Amino acid sequence: MKDEDIVARIQKNPKFVKFVNLRNNYSYLLTALMMIAYFGFILLVAFNKQFLATKVAAGAVMSVGIPIGIGVLVFTIVITAIYVRRANSEFDDMKNVIVKEASR
């Protein structure tokens, strides 16, 4: 069977369309969450420097901006790990079923 035939069979499979929509919607959701976190922090830097400069506690050296910035970085790592875990399990399983069906 030619590769072009397999590709055409995959693209016609309703499971493939469902798979692509599910994966894309999930990616869009995680991207939106990341953009909100990142641009929210940038907007704080731009428009509310006083809040970010507030000390964590009386006599403390660290300002509120440091833990928030670290939180954005940690959130990035966590959200990436969430996507990778789902991609390596659920999405790969769905893909394998679709390719197997098309290869028959």
Protein backbone atom coordinates (compact mmCIF):
# COMPACT_ATOMS: atom_id res chain seq x y z
CA MET A 1 0.00 0.00 0.00
CA LYS A 2 1.33 3.42 -0.94
CA ASP A 3 2.00 6.06 1.66
CA GLU A 4 -0.35 8.43 -0.17
CA ASP A 5 -3.18 5.89 0.18
CA ILE A 6 -2.55 5.56 3.90
CA VAL A 7 -2.50 9.32 4.34
CA ALA A 8 -5.78 9.68 2.45
CA ARG A 9 -7.40 6.93 4.54
CA ILE A 10 -6.20 8.58 7.75
CA GLN A 11 -7.56 11.97 6.73
CA LYS A 12 -10.98 10.47 5.91
CA ASN A 13 -11.21 8.64 9.24
CA PRO A 14 -13.71 10.33 11.61
CA LYS A 15 -11.49 9.33 14.53
CA PHE A 16 -8.69 11.39 12.99
CA VAL A 17 -10.89 14.48 12.76
CA LYS A 18 -11.94 14.00 16.39
CA PHE A 19 -8.29 13.47 17.39
CA VAL A 20 -7.10 16.63 15.65
CA ASN A 21 -9.91 18.72 17.16
CA LEU A 22 -9.27 17.34 20.65
CA ARG A 23 -5.53 17.92 20.44
CA ASN A 24 -5.91 21.40 18.98
CA ASN A 25 -8.50 22.50 21.55
CA TYR A 26 -6.30 21.21 24.36
CA SER A 27 -3.29 23.04 22.94
CA TYR A 28 -5.29 26.25 22.59
CA LEU A 29 -6.49 26.01 26.19
CA LEU A 30 -3.00 25.51 27.59
CA THR A 31 -1.63 28.27 25.34
CA ALA A 32 -4.32 30.68 26.56
CA LEU A 33 -3.51 29.85 30.19
CA MET A 34 0.18 30.42 29.56
CA MET A 35 -0.43 33.72 27.77
CA ILE A 36 -2.64 34.94 30.62
CA ALA A 37 0.05 34.09 33.17
CA TYR A 38 2.91 35.57 31.14
CA PHE A 39 1.21 38.72 29.90
CA GLY A 40 -0.44 39.22 33.28
CA PHE A 41 3.02 39.36 34.83
CA ILE A 42 4.29 41.69 32.10
CA LEU A 43 1.28 43.98 32.62
CA LEU A 44 2.02 44.04 36.35
CA VAL A 45 5.58 45.07 35.58
CA ALA A 46 4.37 47.78 33.22
CA PHE A 47 1.47 49.21 35.21
CA ASN A 48 1.83 48.25 38.89
CA LYS A 49 5.48 48.42 39.84
CA GLN A 50 4.54 49.56 43.33
CA PHE A 51 2.76 46.25 44.03
CA LEU A 52 5.69 44.20 42.72
CA ALA A 53 8.10 46.26 44.81
CA THR A 54 6.14 45.59 48.02
CA LYS A 55 8.22 43.64 50.53
CA VAL A 56 7.04 40.10 51.33
CA ALA A 57 7.26 40.80 55.07
CA ALA A 58 8.41 43.62 57.31
CA GLY A 59 12.20 43.81 57.18
CA ALA A 60 12.35 41.29 54.34
CA VAL A 61 14.71 41.78 51.44
CA MET A 62 12.54 40.02 48.86
CA SER A 63 9.73 41.83 47.08
CA VAL A 64 6.45 40.32 45.91
CA GLY A 65 7.66 40.38 42.29
CA ILE A 66 10.27 37.66 42.86
CA PRO A 67 7.88 34.88 43.94
CA ILE A 68 5.37 35.89 41.28
CA GLY A 69 8.08 35.74 38.59
CA ILE A 70 9.25 32.36 39.86
CA GLY A 71 5.61 31.25 39.90
CA VAL A 72 5.28 32.12 36.21
CA LEU A 73 8.37 30.03 35.44
CA VAL A 74 7.13 27.10 37.51
CA PHE A 75 3.69 27.38 35.88
CA THR A 76 5.38 27.16 32.46
CA ILE A 77 7.18 23.97 33.45
CA VAL A 78 4.04 22.43 34.97
CA ILE A 79 1.82 23.25 32.00
CA THR A 80 4.44 21.81 29.63
CA ALA A 81 4.65 18.63 31.69
CA ILE A 82 0.87 18.30 31.67
CA TYR A 83 0.78 18.55 27.87
CA VAL A 84 3.68 16.15 27.37
CA ARG A 85 2.14 13.58 29.70
CA ARG A 86 -1.20 13.66 27.87
CA ALA A 87 0.50 13.68 24.46
CA ASN A 88 2.65 10.68 25.34
CA SER A 89 -0.28 8.65 26.64
CA GLU A 90 -3.73 9.52 25.35
CA PHE A 91 -2.79 11.30 22.11
CA ASP A 92 -0.20 8.70 21.11
CA ASP A 93 -2.66 5.87 21.80
CA MET A 94 -5.32 7.55 19.66
CA LYS A 95 -2.80 8.14 16.87
CA ASN A 96 -1.64 4.54 16.93
CA VAL A 97 -5.22 3.25 16.61
CA ILE A 98 -5.90 5.56 13.66
CA VAL A 99 -2.69 4.57 11.84
CA LYS A 100 -3.33 0.89 12.50
CA GLU A 101 -6.84 1.14 11.05
CA ALA A 102 -5.55 2.95 7.96
CA SER A 103 -2.77 0.43 7.39
CA ARG A 104 -5.13 -2.56 7.09
